[in-house]
Amino acid sequence: MAEARWIWVSLPWATFALVVSGGRIVDAAPIARKSIGCDERQVAAYYRSKGATFVPLPPLDQARE
């Protein structure tokens, strides 16, 4: 299994994270649960059309340094 990446998503009405592994969303905040199992590019296109900005979050081991 590919290593999971966290993506911070900011919309005008919500901010949350998506967890991506192998090009698919594997976990998400409750507001974005419908994204789980979907292709990350399709999900990004959908949220981008709603005005989202994205920031890849550093791996947990780097975030603690």
C-alpha atoms as a PDB file:
ATOM      1  CA  MET A   1       0.000   0.000   0.000  1.00  0.00           C
ATOM      2  CA  ALA A   2       1.250   3.486  -0.845  1.00  0.00           C
ATOM      3  CA  GLU A   3       2.106   5.846   1.978  1.00  0.00           C
ATOM      4  CA  ALA A   4      -0.791   8.088   2.929  1.00  0.00           C
ATOM      5  CA  ARG A   5      -0.639  11.843   2.291  1.00  0.00           C
ATOM      6  CA  TRP A   6      -2.757  14.474   4.005  1.00  0.00           C
ATOM      7  CA  ILE A   7      -4.230  17.329   1.968  1.00  0.00           C
ATOM      8  CA  TRP A   8      -5.647  20.426   3.663  1.00  0.00           C
ATOM      9  CA  VAL A   9      -8.745  21.720   1.841  1.00  0.00           C
ATOM     10  CA  SER A  10     -10.174  25.182   2.435  1.00  0.00           C
ATOM     11  CA  LEU A  11     -13.591  26.171   1.100  1.00  0.00           C
ATOM     12  CA  PRO A  12     -15.565  29.350   1.818  1.00  0.00           C
ATOM     13  CA  TRP A  13     -17.785  27.387   4.256  1.00  0.00           C
ATOM     14  CA  ALA A  14     -15.440  24.671   5.612  1.00  0.00           C
ATOM     15  CA  THR A  15     -11.837  23.624   6.152  1.00  0.00           C
ATOM     16  CA  PHE A  16     -10.879  19.967   6.465  1.00  0.00           C
ATOM     17  CA  ALA A  17      -8.293  17.354   5.535  1.00  0.00           C
ATOM     18  CA  LEU A  18      -8.396  14.466   3.106  1.00  0.00           C
ATOM     19  CA  VAL A  19      -6.124  11.436   3.413  1.00  0.00           C
ATOM     20  CA  VAL A  20      -4.886  10.126   0.065  1.00  0.00           C
ATOM     21  CA  SER A  21      -3.184   6.807  -0.671  1.00  0.00           C
ATOM     22  CA  GLY A  22      -2.594   5.251  -4.068  1.00  0.00           C
ATOM     23  CA  GLY A  23      -4.458   8.064  -5.818  1.00  0.00           C
ATOM     24  CA  ARG A  24      -7.673   7.487  -3.835  1.00  0.00           C
ATOM     25  CA  ILE A  25      -9.223   9.226  -0.855  1.00  0.00           C
ATOM     26  CA  VAL A  26      -8.956   6.778   2.062  1.00  0.00           C
ATOM     27  CA  ASP A  27     -10.225   8.980   4.912  1.00  0.00           C
ATOM     28  CA  ALA A  28     -11.902  12.354   5.286  1.00  0.00           C
ATOM     29  CA  ALA A  29     -13.619  14.620   7.763  1.00  0.00           C
ATOM     30  CA  PRO A  30     -17.369  13.991   8.164  1.00  0.00           C
ATOM     31  CA  ILE A  31     -18.239  16.887   5.838  1.00  0.00           C
ATOM     32  CA  ALA A  32     -16.252  15.193   3.039  1.00  0.00           C
ATOM     33  CA  ARG A  33     -17.035  11.500   3.728  1.00  0.00           C
ATOM     34  CA  LYS A  34     -18.634  11.052   0.291  1.00  0.00           C
ATOM     35  CA  SER A  35     -15.112  11.470  -1.138  1.00  0.00           C
ATOM     36  CA  ILE A  36     -13.808   8.245   0.443  1.00  0.00           C
ATOM     37  CA  GLY A  37     -12.943   5.713  -2.238  1.00  0.00           C
ATOM     38  CA  CYS A  38     -12.961   8.307  -5.026  1.00  0.00           C
ATOM     39  CA  ASP A  39     -10.084   9.261  -7.318  1.00  0.00           C
ATOM     40  CA  GLU A  40      -8.130  12.182  -5.852  1.00  0.00           C
ATOM     41  CA  ARG A  41      -8.081  14.107  -9.162  1.00  0.00           C
ATOM     42  CA  GLN A  42     -11.856  13.917  -9.527  1.00  0.00           C
ATOM     43  CA  VAL A  43     -12.329  15.012  -5.923  1.00  0.00           C
ATOM     44  CA  ALA A  44      -9.867  17.885  -6.383  1.00  0.00           C
ATOM     45  CA  ALA A  45     -11.668  19.030  -9.541  1.00  0.00           C
ATOM     46  CA  TYR A  46     -15.007  18.979  -7.712  1.00  0.00           C
ATOM     47  CA  TYR A  47     -13.772  20.983  -4.723  1.00  0.00           C
ATOM     48  CA  ARG A  48     -11.805  23.362  -6.976  1.00  0.00           C
ATOM     49  CA  SER A  49     -15.060  24.113  -8.841  1.00  0.00           C
ATOM     50  CA  LYS A  50     -16.531  25.106  -5.458  1.00  0.00           C
ATOM     51  CA  GLY A  51     -13.664  27.536  -4.776  1.00  0.00           C
ATOM     52  CA  ALA A  52     -11.310  25.316  -2.765  1.00  0.00           C
ATOM     53  CA  THR A  53      -7.635  25.870  -2.175  1.00  0.00           C
ATOM     54  CA  PHE A  54      -5.351  22.930  -1.346  1.00  0.00           C
ATOM     55  CA  VAL A  55      -2.191  22.588   0.723  1.00  0.00           C
ATOM     56  CA  PRO A  56      -0.298  19.287   1.018  1.00  0.00           C
ATOM     57  CA  LEU A  57       0.518  18.740   4.691  1.00  0.00           C
ATOM     58  CA  PRO A  58       3.984  17.502   5.713  1.00  0.00           C
ATOM     59  CA  PRO A  59       4.378  13.894   6.848  1.00  0.00           C
ATOM     60  CA  LEU A  60       3.783  13.491  10.577  1.00  0.00           C
ATOM     61  CA  ASP A  61       7.453  12.775  11.330  1.00  0.00           C
ATOM     62  CA  GLN A  62       8.458  16.082   9.667  1.00  0.00           C
ATOM     63  CA  ALA A  63       5.665  18.047  11.334  1.00  0.00           C
ATOM     64  CA  ARG A  64       7.038  17.220  14.802  1.00  0.00           C
ATOM     65  CA  GLU A  65      10.560  18.507  14.096  1.00  0.00           C
END
